[in-house]
C-alpha atoms as a PDB file:
ATOM      1  CA  MET A   1      98.095  97.350  90.719  1.00  0.00           C
ATOM      2  CA  THR A   2     101.463  98.893  90.110  1.00  0.00           C
ATOM      3  CA  LYS A   3     103.097 101.686  92.056  1.00  0.00           C
ATOM      4  CA  SER A   4     102.760 104.015  89.072  1.00  0.00           C
ATOM      5  CA  GLU A   5      99.017 103.301  88.792  1.00  0.00           C
ATOM      6  CA  LEU A   6      98.574 104.143  92.472  1.00  0.00           C
ATOM      7  CA  ALA A   7     100.667 107.300  92.052  1.00  0.00           C
ATOM      8  CA  ASP A   8      98.394 108.364  89.171  1.00  0.00           C
ATOM      9  CA  ALA A   9      95.309 107.656  91.296  1.00  0.00           C
ATOM     10  CA  ALA A  10      96.794 109.787  94.089  1.00  0.00           C
ATOM     11  CA  GLY A  11      97.616 112.578  91.648  1.00  0.00           C
ATOM     12  CA  VAL A  12     101.354 112.625  92.345  1.00  0.00           C
ATOM     13  CA  SER A  13     104.495 111.673  90.461  1.00  0.00           C
ATOM     14  CA  SER A  14     106.047 108.239  90.843  1.00  0.00           C
ATOM     15  CA  HIS A  15     109.030 109.845  92.580  1.00  0.00           C
ATOM     16  CA  THR A  16     106.809 111.550  95.179  1.00  0.00           C
ATOM     17  CA  PHE A  17     104.842 108.351  95.702  1.00  0.00           C
ATOM     18  CA  THR A  18     108.055 106.415  96.335  1.00  0.00           C
ATOM     19  CA  ARG A  19     109.073 108.975  98.963  1.00  0.00           C
ATOM     20  CA  TRP A  20     105.670 108.574 100.646  1.00  0.00           C
ATOM     21  CA  LEU A  21     106.176 104.814 100.815  1.00  0.00           C
ATOM     22  CA  LYS A  22     109.583 105.107 102.489  1.00  0.00           C
ATOM     23  CA  ALA A  23     107.906 106.104 105.754  1.00  0.00           C
ATOM     24  CA  HIS A  24     105.983 102.804 105.670  1.00  0.00           C
ATOM     25  CA  ARG A  25     108.841 100.548 104.558  1.00  0.00           C
ATOM     26  CA  GLN A  26     108.618  98.202 107.559  1.00  0.00           C
ATOM     27  CA  GLN A  27     104.912  97.452 107.053  1.00  0.00           C
ATOM     28  CA  LEU A  28     105.300  97.064 103.282  1.00  0.00           C
ATOM     29  CA  THR A  29     108.317  94.771 103.628  1.00  0.00           C
ATOM     30  CA  ALA A  30     106.230  92.514 105.877  1.00  0.00           C
ATOM     31  CA  MET A  31     103.694  92.320 103.005  1.00  0.00           C
ATOM     32  CA  GLY A  32     106.372  91.303 100.518  1.00  0.00           C
ATOM     33  CA  VAL A  33     106.957  94.705  98.933  1.00  0.00           C
ATOM     34  CA  GLY A  34     110.586  95.602  98.295  1.00  0.00           C
ATOM     35  CA  GLY A  35     112.039  98.881  97.115  1.00  0.00           C
ATOM     36  CA  LYS A  36     112.052  97.804  93.479  1.00  0.00           C
ATOM     37  CA  THR A  37     108.742  95.942  93.517  1.00  0.00           C
ATOM     38  CA  GLN A  38     106.440  97.371  90.866  1.00  0.00           C
ATOM     39  CA  LEU A  39     103.432  95.039  90.906  1.00  0.00           C
ATOM     40  CA  LEU A  40     101.925  95.209  94.384  1.00  0.00           C
ATOM     41  CA  PRO A  41     100.059  92.372  96.108  1.00  0.00           C
ATOM     42  CA  PRO A  42      96.393  93.103  96.903  1.00  0.00           C
ATOM     43  CA  LYS A  43      97.071  93.357 100.650  1.00  0.00           C
ATOM     44  CA  ALA A  44      99.662  96.095 100.030  1.00  0.00           C
ATOM     45  CA  VAL A  45      97.317  97.978  97.674  1.00  0.00           C
ATOM     46  CA  ILE A  46      94.595  98.004 100.333  1.00  0.00           C
ATOM     47  CA  TYR A  47      97.063  99.176 102.988  1.00  0.00           C
ATOM     48  CA  ILE A  48      98.398 101.996 100.771  1.00  0.00           C
ATOM     49  CA  CYS A  49      94.922 103.133  99.701  1.00  0.00           C
ATOM     50  CA  ASP A  50      93.725 103.204 103.300  1.00  0.00           C
ATOM     51  CA  THR A  51      96.849 104.954 104.559  1.00  0.00           C
ATOM     52  CA  PHE A  52      96.946 107.682 101.893  1.00  0.00           C
ATOM     53  CA  CYS A  53      93.160 107.945 101.258  1.00  0.00           C
ATOM     54  CA  ILE A  54      93.448 106.921  97.614  1.00  0.00           C
ATOM     55  CA  ASP A  55      90.191 106.020  95.877  1.00  0.00           C
ATOM     56  CA  VAL A  56      90.849 103.505  93.119  1.00  0.00           C
ATOM     57  CA  GLY A  57      87.243 102.436  92.991  1.00  0.00           C
END
């Protein structure tokens, strides 16, 4: 999934979603997600969905 798809699923703008992710930068960097990464690896998608209670199901 992309960051914009997750932002849509969460019901927020891409800008707001990016600000949410800044608080979790260390964990996301360890999963291979950089600041400009758009396509997220599955492990990062699971982490973000669990952390922000996003249902993509």
